[in-house]
Amino acid sequence: MNIEPIENNEEGLSVRTKLNKMISAVRLETILTATTTDDTQTELLMEDESDAHLTIPLDTAWAFEILLLAFPGGGGVPTFAGAWKITGAIHNNDGTVKITDNWDATNPSFSTGGKYDNAKAIPGVVNVEVLAGDTSNTFGDPQVDADTGNDSLRIRVTATNYSAKEFHWAARVSLVEIQFTP
């Protein structure tokens, strides 16, 4: 997987916390693309990679922000673009990849003694905001989830209502990563 570190940050950079502990914290960015020619759900992938999935390393958490764009372009017909902003968090804990849970420390229905309780957690949510295009979010219908088969963050799109039109899709994925190192 070729994810490029950005802005003078190096992959695997260790930083010292206030408690004098070392943590590996990184900010990363990559581009994923896809082309659709019908209304079949399609996954965006990294190009020219042996592992084109956005694989999350073992014992790592990511906060992600995705800027997604769709454009049919050309052809002399009226055209449009679609744009979305997608945010959330995902982690790989001991080989289990999932969208990170939510919880409420002030509500005993969702926590125990004000602390995270896996049995009471609220399933994680990925937030999708339409920036331009179909405000009903029917066209595009971006789906972002944990792909447990590939241990990856998966982004899928659907050119709904366009069964015979080509669309180009690109996603800039910005990640903040913390990797647990004992």
N, C-alpha and C. Protein backbone atom coordinates (compact mmCIF):
# COMPACT_ATOMS: atom_id res chain seq x y z
N MET A 1 0.85 -1.16 0.00
CA MET A 1 0.00 0.00 0.00
C MET A 1 0.90 1.23 0.00
N ASN A 2 0.63 2.16 -0.88
CA ASN A 2 1.44 3.36 -1.00
C ASN A 2 0.63 4.57 -0.55
N ILE A 3 0.70 4.87 0.74
CA ILE A 3 0.07 6.06 1.28
C ILE A 3 1.19 7.03 1.59
N GLU A 4 1.08 8.22 1.06
CA GLU A 4 2.15 9.20 1.21
C GLU A 4 1.95 10.05 2.45
N PRO A 5 3.00 10.14 3.31
CA PRO A 5 2.94 11.10 4.41
C PRO A 5 2.98 12.52 3.84
N ILE A 6 2.37 13.47 4.52
CA ILE A 6 2.33 14.83 4.00
C ILE A 6 2.83 15.84 5.01
N GLU A 7 3.17 17.01 4.52
CA GLU A 7 3.55 18.17 5.32
C GLU A 7 4.62 17.87 6.37
N ASN A 8 5.78 17.45 5.90
CA ASN A 8 6.95 17.24 6.75
C ASN A 8 6.71 16.26 7.90
N ASN A 9 5.78 15.39 7.72
CA ASN A 9 5.54 14.35 8.71
C ASN A 9 6.05 13.06 8.10
N GLU A 10 6.70 12.23 8.87
CA GLU A 10 7.23 10.98 8.35
C GLU A 10 6.41 9.82 8.86
N GLU A 11 6.21 8.83 7.97
CA GLU A 11 5.46 7.65 8.37
C GLU A 11 6.16 6.99 9.55
N GLY A 12 5.41 6.67 10.58
CA GLY A 12 5.97 6.03 11.75
C GLY A 12 6.63 7.01 12.71
N LEU A 13 6.41 8.29 12.53
CA LEU A 13 7.00 9.29 13.40
C LEU A 13 6.54 9.05 14.84
N SER A 14 7.48 9.03 15.75
CA SER A 14 7.15 8.89 17.16
C SER A 14 7.18 10.24 17.81
N VAL A 15 6.24 10.49 18.68
CA VAL A 15 6.19 11.76 19.40
C VAL A 15 6.07 11.46 20.88
N ARG A 16 6.57 12.37 21.70
CA ARG A 16 6.54 12.20 23.14
C ARG A 16 5.28 12.89 23.68
N THR A 17 4.52 12.20 24.51
CA THR A 17 3.32 12.76 25.11
C THR A 17 3.67 13.47 26.40
N LYS A 18 2.68 14.10 27.02
CA LYS A 18 2.89 14.79 28.29
C LYS A 18 3.38 13.84 29.39
N LEU A 19 3.02 12.57 29.29
CA LEU A 19 3.42 11.59 30.30
C LEU A 19 4.74 10.92 29.93
N ASN A 20 5.43 11.51 28.94
CA ASN A 20 6.73 11.02 28.50
C ASN A 20 6.64 9.62 27.90
N LYS A 21 5.51 9.31 27.29
CA LYS A 21 5.33 8.04 26.59
C LYS A 21 5.54 8.28 25.11
N MET A 22 6.04 7.29 24.41
CA MET A 22 6.23 7.40 22.96
C MET A 22 5.00 6.81 22.26
N ILE A 23 4.45 7.56 21.30
CA ILE A 23 3.36 7.05 20.48
C ILE A 23 3.72 7.29 19.03
N SER A 24 3.19 6.46 18.18
CA SER A 24 3.39 6.64 16.75
C SER A 24 2.15 7.32 16.20
N ALA A 25 2.29 8.60 15.82
CA ALA A 25 1.17 9.38 15.30
C ALA A 25 1.56 9.94 13.94
N VAL A 26 0.69 9.77 12.95
CA VAL A 26 1.01 10.14 11.58
C VAL A 26 -0.21 10.76 10.92
N ARG A 27 0.04 11.70 10.02
CA ARG A 27 -1.01 12.22 9.15
C ARG A 27 -0.68 11.78 7.75
N LEU A 28 -1.64 11.10 7.09
CA LEU A 28 -1.42 10.51 5.78
C LEU A 28 -2.50 10.95 4.80
N GLU A 29 -2.19 10.87 3.52
CA GLU A 29 -3.18 11.22 2.49
C GLU A 29 -2.94 10.35 1.26
N THR A 30 -4.04 9.94 0.62
CA THR A 30 -3.95 9.15 -0.61
C THR A 30 -5.17 9.42 -1.48
N ILE A 31 -5.10 8.97 -2.73
CA ILE A 31 -6.20 9.12 -3.69
C ILE A 31 -6.68 7.73 -4.10
N LEU A 32 -8.00 7.56 -4.12
CA LEU A 32 -8.62 6.33 -4.62
C LEU A 32 -9.48 6.71 -5.81
N THR A 33 -9.61 5.80 -6.78
CA THR A 33 -10.38 6.09 -7.99
C THR A 33 -11.22 4.89 -8.41
N ALA A 34 -12.20 5.18 -9.27
CA ALA A 34 -13.01 4.13 -9.90
C ALA A 34 -13.69 4.74 -11.12
N THR A 35 -14.10 3.88 -12.03
CA THR A 35 -14.93 4.26 -13.16
C THR A 35 -16.13 3.33 -13.16
N THR A 36 -17.32 3.91 -13.29
CA THR A 36 -18.53 3.09 -13.39
C THR A 36 -19.14 3.30 -14.77
N THR A 37 -19.73 2.25 -15.31
CA THR A 37 -20.40 2.32 -16.61
C THR A 37 -21.86 1.92 -16.51
N ASP A 38 -22.29 1.60 -15.29
CA ASP A 38 -23.69 1.25 -15.04
C ASP A 38 -24.00 1.58 -13.59
N ASP A 39 -25.15 1.10 -13.11
CA ASP A 39 -25.54 1.44 -11.74
C ASP A 39 -25.23 0.32 -10.74
N THR A 40 -24.12 -0.39 -10.98
CA THR A 40 -23.66 -1.43 -10.07
C THR A 40 -22.75 -0.79 -9.01
N GLN A 41 -22.93 -1.16 -7.74
CA GLN A 41 -22.08 -0.63 -6.68
C GLN A 41 -20.63 -1.01 -6.97
N THR A 42 -19.73 -0.02 -6.86
CA THR A 42 -18.33 -0.20 -7.23
C THR A 42 -17.43 0.35 -6.13
N GLU A 43 -16.34 -0.38 -5.82
CA GLU A 43 -15.39 0.06 -4.80
C GLU A 43 -14.30 0.92 -5.41
N LEU A 44 -13.95 2.01 -4.74
CA LEU A 44 -12.81 2.83 -5.14
C LEU A 44 -11.55 2.20 -4.58
N LEU A 45 -10.49 2.17 -5.40
CA LEU A 45 -9.24 1.53 -5.01
C LEU A 45 -8.06 2.42 -5.35
N MET A 46 -6.90 2.13 -4.75
CA MET A 46 -5.67 2.82 -5.11
C MET A 46 -5.16 2.21 -6.40
N GLU A 47 -4.68 3.04 -7.32
CA GLU A 47 -4.18 2.54 -8.60
C GLU A 47 -2.75 2.06 -8.48
N ASP A 48 -2.39 1.14 -9.38
CA ASP A 48 -1.00 0.67 -9.51
C ASP A 48 -0.42 0.13 -8.21
N GLU A 49 -1.22 -0.57 -7.45
CA GLU A 49 -0.76 -1.15 -6.19
C GLU A 49 -1.03 -2.64 -6.19
N SER A 50 -0.11 -3.40 -5.59
CA SER A 50 -0.36 -4.84 -5.48
C SER A 50 -1.52 -5.10 -4.51
N ASP A 51 -1.62 -4.27 -3.46
CA ASP A 51 -2.76 -4.32 -2.55
C ASP A 51 -3.47 -2.99 -2.67
N ALA A 52 -4.48 -2.93 -3.53
CA ALA A 52 -5.14 -1.68 -3.87
C ALA A 52 -6.12 -1.21 -2.81
N HIS A 53 -6.32 -2.01 -1.76
CA HIS A 53 -7.24 -1.64 -0.68
C HIS A 53 -6.54 -0.71 0.31
N LEU A 54 -7.31 0.06 1.02
CA LEU A 54 -6.80 0.96 2.04
C LEU A 54 -6.72 0.18 3.34
N THR A 55 -5.68 -0.64 3.47
CA THR A 55 -5.54 -1.59 4.57
C THR A 55 -5.05 -0.88 5.83
N ILE A 56 -5.75 -1.14 6.93
CA ILE A 56 -5.38 -0.54 8.22
C ILE A 56 -4.49 -1.51 8.98
N PRO A 57 -3.31 -1.07 9.39
CA PRO A 57 -2.39 -1.96 10.08
C PRO A 57 -2.95 -2.47 11.42
N LEU A 58 -2.38 -3.56 11.88
CA LEU A 58 -2.76 -4.16 13.16
C LEU A 58 -2.55 -3.16 14.30
N ASP A 59 -3.49 -3.13 15.23
CA ASP A 59 -3.43 -2.28 16.43
C ASP A 59 -3.24 -0.80 16.08
N THR A 60 -4.08 -0.34 15.15
CA THR A 60 -4.02 1.03 14.64
C THR A 60 -5.42 1.61 14.59
N ALA A 61 -5.52 2.92 14.84
CA ALA A 61 -6.79 3.64 14.70
C ALA A 61 -6.58 4.77 13.69
N TRP A 62 -7.60 5.01 12.86
CA TRP A 62 -7.60 6.12 11.90
C TRP A 62 -8.82 6.99 12.15
N ALA A 63 -8.63 8.29 12.13
CA ALA A 63 -9.72 9.24 11.94
C ALA A 63 -9.63 9.62 10.46
N PHE A 64 -10.74 9.54 9.73
CA PHE A 64 -10.66 9.80 8.29
C PHE A 64 -11.59 10.92 7.86
N GLU A 65 -11.15 11.63 6.82
CA GLU A 65 -11.95 12.63 6.14
C GLU A 65 -11.77 12.36 4.65
N ILE A 66 -12.88 12.12 3.98
CA ILE A 66 -12.85 11.77 2.56
C ILE A 66 -13.58 12.86 1.78
N LEU A 67 -12.93 13.36 0.74
CA LEU A 67 -13.56 14.29 -0.19
C LEU A 67 -13.76 13.50 -1.49
N LEU A 68 -15.02 13.21 -1.84
CA LEU A 68 -15.37 12.35 -2.96
C LEU A 68 -15.99 13.18 -4.08
N LEU A 69 -15.58 12.90 -5.32
CA LEU A 69 -16.07 13.63 -6.48
C LEU A 69 -16.46 12.65 -7.59
N ALA A 70 -17.60 12.89 -8.24
CA ALA A 70 -18.05 12.11 -9.41
C ALA A 70 -18.29 13.07 -10.56
N PHE A 71 -17.89 12.65 -11.78
CA PHE A 71 -18.06 13.51 -12.95
C PHE A 71 -18.18 12.65 -14.21
N PRO A 72 -19.27 12.85 -15.01
CA PRO A 72 -19.38 12.08 -16.25
C PRO A 72 -18.59 12.76 -17.38
N GLY A 73 -18.63 14.08 -17.42
CA GLY A 73 -17.86 14.84 -18.40
C GLY A 73 -18.23 14.59 -19.84
N GLY A 74 -17.91 15.58 -20.67
CA GLY A 74 -17.96 15.49 -22.13
C GLY A 74 -19.26 14.99 -22.72
N GLY A 75 -19.18 14.63 -23.99
CA GLY A 75 -20.31 14.05 -24.69
C GLY A 75 -21.31 15.04 -25.23
N GLY A 76 -21.10 16.33 -25.02
CA GLY A 76 -22.00 17.34 -25.56
C GLY A 76 -23.38 17.38 -24.95
N VAL A 77 -23.60 16.61 -23.89
CA VAL A 77 -24.91 16.61 -23.23
C VAL A 77 -24.79 17.37 -21.92
N PRO A 78 -25.90 17.90 -21.41
CA PRO A 78 -25.81 18.57 -20.11
C PRO A 78 -25.22 17.61 -19.08
N THR A 79 -24.30 18.10 -18.29
CA THR A 79 -23.61 17.24 -17.33
C THR A 79 -23.62 17.88 -15.95
N PHE A 80 -23.23 17.13 -14.98
CA PHE A 80 -23.20 17.60 -13.60
C PHE A 80 -22.06 16.91 -12.89
N ALA A 81 -21.78 17.34 -11.71
CA ALA A 81 -20.80 16.68 -10.85
C ALA A 81 -21.48 16.42 -9.51
N GLY A 82 -20.97 15.46 -8.80
CA GLY A 82 -21.44 15.19 -7.44
C GLY A 82 -20.24 15.26 -6.51
N ALA A 83 -20.43 15.83 -5.33
CA ALA A 83 -19.34 15.92 -4.36
C ALA A 83 -19.87 15.65 -2.96
N TRP A 84 -19.07 14.93 -2.18
CA TRP A 84 -19.44 14.55 -0.83
C TRP A 84 -18.25 14.71 0.10
N LYS A 85 -18.53 14.98 1.38
CA LYS A 85 -17.52 14.97 2.44
C LYS A 85 -17.95 13.89 3.43
N ILE A 86 -17.04 12.96 3.71
CA ILE A 86 -17.35 11.80 4.54
C ILE A 86 -16.35 11.73 5.68
N THR A 87 -16.83 11.60 6.92
CA THR A 87 -15.93 11.56 8.07
C THR A 87 -16.29 10.42 9.01
N GLY A 88 -15.30 9.98 9.76
CA GLY A 88 -15.53 8.93 10.74
C GLY A 88 -14.22 8.42 11.31
N ALA A 89 -14.29 7.28 11.98
CA ALA A 89 -13.11 6.65 12.57
C ALA A 89 -13.23 5.14 12.42
N ILE A 90 -12.09 4.49 12.26
CA ILE A 90 -12.01 3.04 12.10
C ILE A 90 -10.78 2.56 12.87
N HIS A 91 -10.82 1.33 13.32
CA HIS A 91 -9.63 0.79 13.99
C HIS A 91 -9.49 -0.71 13.73
N ASN A 92 -8.25 -1.17 13.89
CA ASN A 92 -7.91 -2.58 13.80
C ASN A 92 -7.35 -2.96 15.16
N ASN A 93 -8.17 -3.61 15.96
CA ASN A 93 -7.79 -4.02 17.31
C ASN A 93 -7.56 -5.52 17.32
N ASP A 94 -6.31 -5.93 17.45
CA ASP A 94 -5.95 -7.35 17.48
C ASP A 94 -6.49 -8.12 16.28
N GLY A 95 -6.53 -7.49 15.10
CA GLY A 95 -6.97 -8.16 13.89
C GLY A 95 -8.45 -8.01 13.57
N THR A 96 -9.20 -7.32 14.42
CA THR A 96 -10.62 -7.06 14.16
C THR A 96 -10.77 -5.61 13.71
N VAL A 97 -11.22 -5.43 12.45
CA VAL A 97 -11.39 -4.10 11.88
C VAL A 97 -12.86 -3.71 11.94
N LYS A 98 -13.13 -2.51 12.48
CA LYS A 98 -14.51 -2.04 12.54
C LYS A 98 -14.55 -0.52 12.62
N ILE A 99 -15.68 0.03 12.18
CA ILE A 99 -15.93 1.46 12.38
C ILE A 99 -16.02 1.66 13.89
N THR A 100 -15.35 2.68 14.39
CA THR A 100 -15.22 2.89 15.83
C THR A 100 -16.57 3.24 16.47
N ASP A 101 -16.86 2.55 17.59
CA ASP A 101 -18.10 2.76 18.34
C ASP A 101 -18.18 4.16 18.93
N ASN A 102 -19.40 4.57 19.24
CA ASN A 102 -19.67 5.78 20.00
C ASN A 102 -20.19 5.36 21.37
N TRP A 103 -20.07 6.25 22.34
CA TRP A 103 -20.62 5.99 23.67
C TRP A 103 -20.80 7.31 24.38
N ASP A 104 -21.59 7.28 25.44
CA ASP A 104 -21.92 8.49 26.20
C ASP A 104 -21.56 8.25 27.66
N ALA A 105 -20.49 8.91 28.12
CA ALA A 105 -20.00 8.71 29.48
C ALA A 105 -21.01 9.15 30.54
N THR A 106 -21.95 10.04 30.18
CA THR A 106 -22.91 10.54 31.16
C THR A 106 -24.19 9.71 31.22
N ASN A 107 -24.32 8.72 30.33
CA ASN A 107 -25.54 7.92 30.27
C ASN A 107 -25.22 6.47 30.62
N PRO A 108 -25.71 5.97 31.75
CA PRO A 108 -25.40 4.59 32.16
C PRO A 108 -25.92 3.53 31.18
N SER A 109 -26.82 3.92 30.28
CA SER A 109 -27.28 2.96 29.27
C SER A 109 -26.19 2.68 28.23
N PHE A 110 -25.21 3.60 28.12
CA PHE A 110 -24.17 3.48 27.10
C PHE A 110 -22.76 3.43 27.68
N SER A 111 -22.61 3.35 29.00
CA SER A 111 -21.29 3.27 29.62
C SER A 111 -21.44 2.63 31.00
N THR A 112 -20.30 2.27 31.59
CA THR A 112 -20.30 1.71 32.93
C THR A 112 -19.36 2.56 33.77
N GLY A 113 -19.91 3.21 34.79
CA GLY A 113 -19.11 4.08 35.64
C GLY A 113 -18.46 5.22 34.87
N GLY A 114 -19.11 5.67 33.79
CA GLY A 114 -18.57 6.76 32.99
C GLY A 114 -17.47 6.35 32.03
N LYS A 115 -17.22 5.04 31.94
CA LYS A 115 -16.16 4.53 31.06
C LYS A 115 -16.76 3.72 29.92
N TYR A 116 -15.99 3.61 28.83
CA TYR A 116 -16.41 2.83 27.67
C TYR A 116 -16.71 1.39 28.08
N ASP A 117 -17.82 0.88 27.62
CA ASP A 117 -18.22 -0.50 27.86
C ASP A 117 -18.65 -1.08 26.51
N ASN A 118 -17.87 -2.01 25.99
CA ASN A 118 -18.13 -2.57 24.67
C ASN A 118 -19.54 -3.14 24.55
N ALA A 119 -20.05 -3.71 25.63
CA ALA A 119 -21.39 -4.31 25.60
C ALA A 119 -22.50 -3.25 25.47
N LYS A 120 -22.19 -2.00 25.85
CA LYS A 120 -23.20 -0.95 25.83
C LYS A 120 -22.95 0.10 24.74
N ALA A 121 -21.89 -0.05 23.98
CA ALA A 121 -21.51 0.96 22.99
C ALA A 121 -22.54 1.09 21.88
N ILE A 122 -22.58 2.26 21.29
CA ILE A 122 -23.46 2.55 20.16
C ILE A 122 -22.65 2.26 18.89
N PRO A 123 -23.18 1.48 17.95
CA PRO A 123 -22.41 1.19 16.73
C PRO A 123 -21.92 2.48 16.07
N GLY A 124 -20.68 2.42 15.56
CA GLY A 124 -20.06 3.58 14.94
C GLY A 124 -20.85 4.08 13.74
N VAL A 125 -20.73 5.37 13.48
CA VAL A 125 -21.44 6.02 12.40
C VAL A 125 -20.44 6.73 11.50
N VAL A 126 -20.66 6.62 10.20
CA VAL A 126 -19.90 7.37 9.21
C VAL A 126 -20.80 8.51 8.76
N ASN A 127 -20.31 9.74 8.82
CA ASN A 127 -21.10 10.91 8.45
C ASN A 127 -20.87 11.26 6.99
N VAL A 128 -21.96 11.38 6.22
CA VAL A 128 -21.89 11.72 4.79
C VAL A 128 -22.63 13.03 4.58
N GLU A 129 -21.93 14.00 4.01
CA GLU A 129 -22.50 15.31 3.71
C GLU A 129 -22.44 15.54 2.20
N VAL A 130 -23.59 15.84 1.58
CA VAL A 130 -23.62 16.18 0.15
C VAL A 130 -23.16 17.62 0.01
N LEU A 131 -22.08 17.83 -0.75
CA LEU A 131 -21.57 19.18 -1.00
C LEU A 131 -22.13 19.77 -2.28
N ALA A 132 -22.33 18.90 -3.28
CA ALA A 132 -22.87 19.34 -4.57
C ALA A 132 -23.50 18.14 -5.26
N GLY A 133 -24.55 18.39 -6.06
CA GLY A 133 -25.19 17.31 -6.79
C GLY A 133 -26.54 16.95 -6.22
N ASP A 134 -26.85 15.66 -6.25
CA ASP A 134 -28.15 15.14 -5.83
C ASP A 134 -28.31 15.25 -4.31
N THR A 135 -29.09 16.20 -3.87
CA THR A 135 -29.25 16.42 -2.43
C THR A 135 -30.01 15.30 -1.73
N SER A 136 -30.70 14.43 -2.50
CA SER A 136 -31.36 13.28 -1.89
C SER A 136 -30.35 12.18 -1.58
N ASN A 137 -29.13 12.31 -2.12
CA ASN A 137 -28.05 11.33 -1.95
C ASN A 137 -28.41 9.98 -2.55
N THR A 138 -29.33 9.97 -3.53
CA THR A 138 -29.65 8.73 -4.24
C THR A 138 -28.55 8.43 -5.25
N PHE A 139 -28.20 9.43 -6.10
CA PHE A 139 -27.07 9.26 -7.00
C PHE A 139 -25.78 9.28 -6.17
N GLY A 140 -24.91 8.36 -6.45
CA GLY A 140 -23.65 8.27 -5.70
C GLY A 140 -23.78 7.34 -4.53
N ASP A 141 -24.70 7.64 -3.63
CA ASP A 141 -24.96 6.84 -2.44
C ASP A 141 -23.66 6.29 -1.84
N PRO A 142 -22.70 7.16 -1.47
CA PRO A 142 -21.43 6.65 -0.95
C PRO A 142 -21.63 5.82 0.31
N GLN A 143 -21.02 4.65 0.31
CA GLN A 143 -21.04 3.75 1.45
C GLN A 143 -19.61 3.55 1.92
N VAL A 144 -19.32 3.89 3.16
CA VAL A 144 -17.99 3.72 3.73
C VAL A 144 -18.13 2.81 4.93
N ASP A 145 -17.34 1.73 4.93
CA ASP A 145 -17.44 0.76 6.01
C ASP A 145 -16.11 0.05 6.21
N ALA A 146 -16.10 -0.88 7.17
CA ALA A 146 -14.93 -1.71 7.43
C ALA A 146 -15.07 -2.97 6.59
N ASP A 147 -14.10 -3.23 5.74
CA ASP A 147 -14.05 -4.45 4.94
C ASP A 147 -13.23 -5.46 5.73
N THR A 148 -13.91 -6.33 6.47
CA THR A 148 -13.21 -7.27 7.35
C THR A 148 -12.42 -8.32 6.58
N GLY A 149 -12.79 -8.61 5.34
CA GLY A 149 -12.05 -9.57 4.53
C GLY A 149 -10.69 -9.06 4.09
N ASN A 150 -10.57 -7.75 3.92
CA ASN A 150 -9.30 -7.14 3.51
C ASN A 150 -8.68 -6.27 4.60
N ASP A 151 -9.27 -6.25 5.80
CA ASP A 151 -8.79 -5.41 6.90
C ASP A 151 -8.60 -3.97 6.42
N SER A 152 -9.63 -3.43 5.78
CA SER A 152 -9.46 -2.12 5.15
C SER A 152 -10.67 -1.21 5.35
N LEU A 153 -10.43 0.08 5.06
CA LEU A 153 -11.49 1.07 4.97
C LEU A 153 -11.99 1.00 3.53
N ARG A 154 -13.28 0.72 3.37
CA ARG A 154 -13.84 0.52 2.02
C ARG A 154 -14.78 1.66 1.67
N ILE A 155 -14.62 2.18 0.43
CA ILE A 155 -15.48 3.24 -0.09
C ILE A 155 -16.14 2.69 -1.35
N ARG A 156 -17.49 2.66 -1.35
CA ARG A 156 -18.24 2.16 -2.52
C ARG A 156 -19.24 3.22 -2.97
N VAL A 157 -19.46 3.26 -4.29
CA VAL A 157 -20.38 4.23 -4.89
C VAL A 157 -21.30 3.54 -5.88
N THR A 158 -22.43 4.18 -6.18
CA THR A 158 -23.40 3.65 -7.13
C THR A 158 -23.92 4.80 -7.98
N ALA A 159 -23.81 4.67 -9.30
CA ALA A 159 -24.34 5.68 -10.22
C ALA A 159 -25.83 5.39 -10.44
N THR A 160 -26.60 5.48 -9.36
CA THR A 160 -28.03 5.15 -9.38
C THR A 160 -28.75 5.92 -10.49
N ASN A 161 -29.63 5.22 -11.20
CA ASN A 161 -30.45 5.75 -12.30
C ASN A 161 -29.65 6.01 -13.57
N TYR A 162 -28.38 5.58 -13.63
CA TYR A 162 -27.55 5.74 -14.84
C TYR A 162 -27.01 4.36 -15.22
N SER A 163 -27.87 3.56 -15.85
CA SER A 163 -27.50 2.18 -16.15
C SER A 163 -26.57 2.06 -17.35
N ALA A 164 -26.37 3.15 -18.13
CA ALA A 164 -25.51 3.05 -19.31
C ALA A 164 -24.70 4.33 -19.52
N LYS A 165 -24.17 4.90 -18.45
CA LYS A 165 -23.38 6.12 -18.57
C LYS A 165 -22.10 5.96 -17.77
N GLU A 166 -20.99 6.44 -18.34
CA GLU A 166 -19.70 6.33 -17.66
C GLU A 166 -19.48 7.52 -16.73
N PHE A 167 -19.09 7.22 -15.49
CA PHE A 167 -18.74 8.23 -14.51
C PHE A 167 -17.34 7.94 -13.99
N HIS A 168 -16.58 8.98 -13.75
CA HIS A 168 -15.27 8.88 -13.13
C HIS A 168 -15.40 9.34 -11.69
N TRP A 169 -14.78 8.61 -10.78
CA TRP A 169 -14.87 8.88 -9.35
C TRP A 169 -13.46 9.05 -8.79
N ALA A 170 -13.26 10.00 -7.90
CA ALA A 170 -11.98 10.17 -7.21
C ALA A 170 -12.28 10.56 -5.76
N ALA A 171 -11.47 10.03 -4.87
CA ALA A 171 -11.61 10.34 -3.44
C ALA A 171 -10.24 10.68 -2.88
N ARG A 172 -10.13 11.86 -2.26
CA ARG A 172 -8.93 12.18 -1.49
C ARG A 172 -9.23 11.74 -0.06
N VAL A 173 -8.41 10.83 0.44
CA VAL A 173 -8.61 10.30 1.78
C VAL A 173 -7.50 10.84 2.68
N SER A 174 -7.88 11.62 3.68
CA SER A 174 -6.94 12.14 4.67
C SER A 174 -7.12 11.35 5.96
N LEU A 175 -6.00 10.90 6.51
CA LEU A 175 -6.03 10.05 7.70
C LEU A 175 -5.16 10.65 8.79
N VAL A 176 -5.63 10.56 10.02
CA VAL A 176 -4.78 10.76 11.19
C VAL A 176 -4.68 9.37 11.83
N GLU A 177 -3.45 8.91 12.04
CA GLU A 177 -3.23 7.54 12.49
C GLU A 177 -2.49 7.52 13.82
N ILE A 178 -2.95 6.66 14.70
CA ILE A 178 -2.19 6.31 15.90
C ILE A 178 -2.04 4.80 15.90
N GLN A 179 -0.79 4.36 16.04
CA GLN A 179 -0.52 2.93 16.10
C GLN A 179 -0.03 2.60 17.50
N PHE A 180 -0.64 1.57 18.10
CA PHE A 180 -0.26 1.16 19.45
C PHE A 180 1.06 0.41 19.40
N THR A 181 2.00 0.88 20.18
CA THR A 181 3.28 0.17 20.30
C THR A 181 3.55 -0.02 21.79
N PRO A 182 3.53 -1.27 22.24
CA PRO A 182 3.72 -1.51 23.69
C PRO A 182 5.10 -1.11 24.18
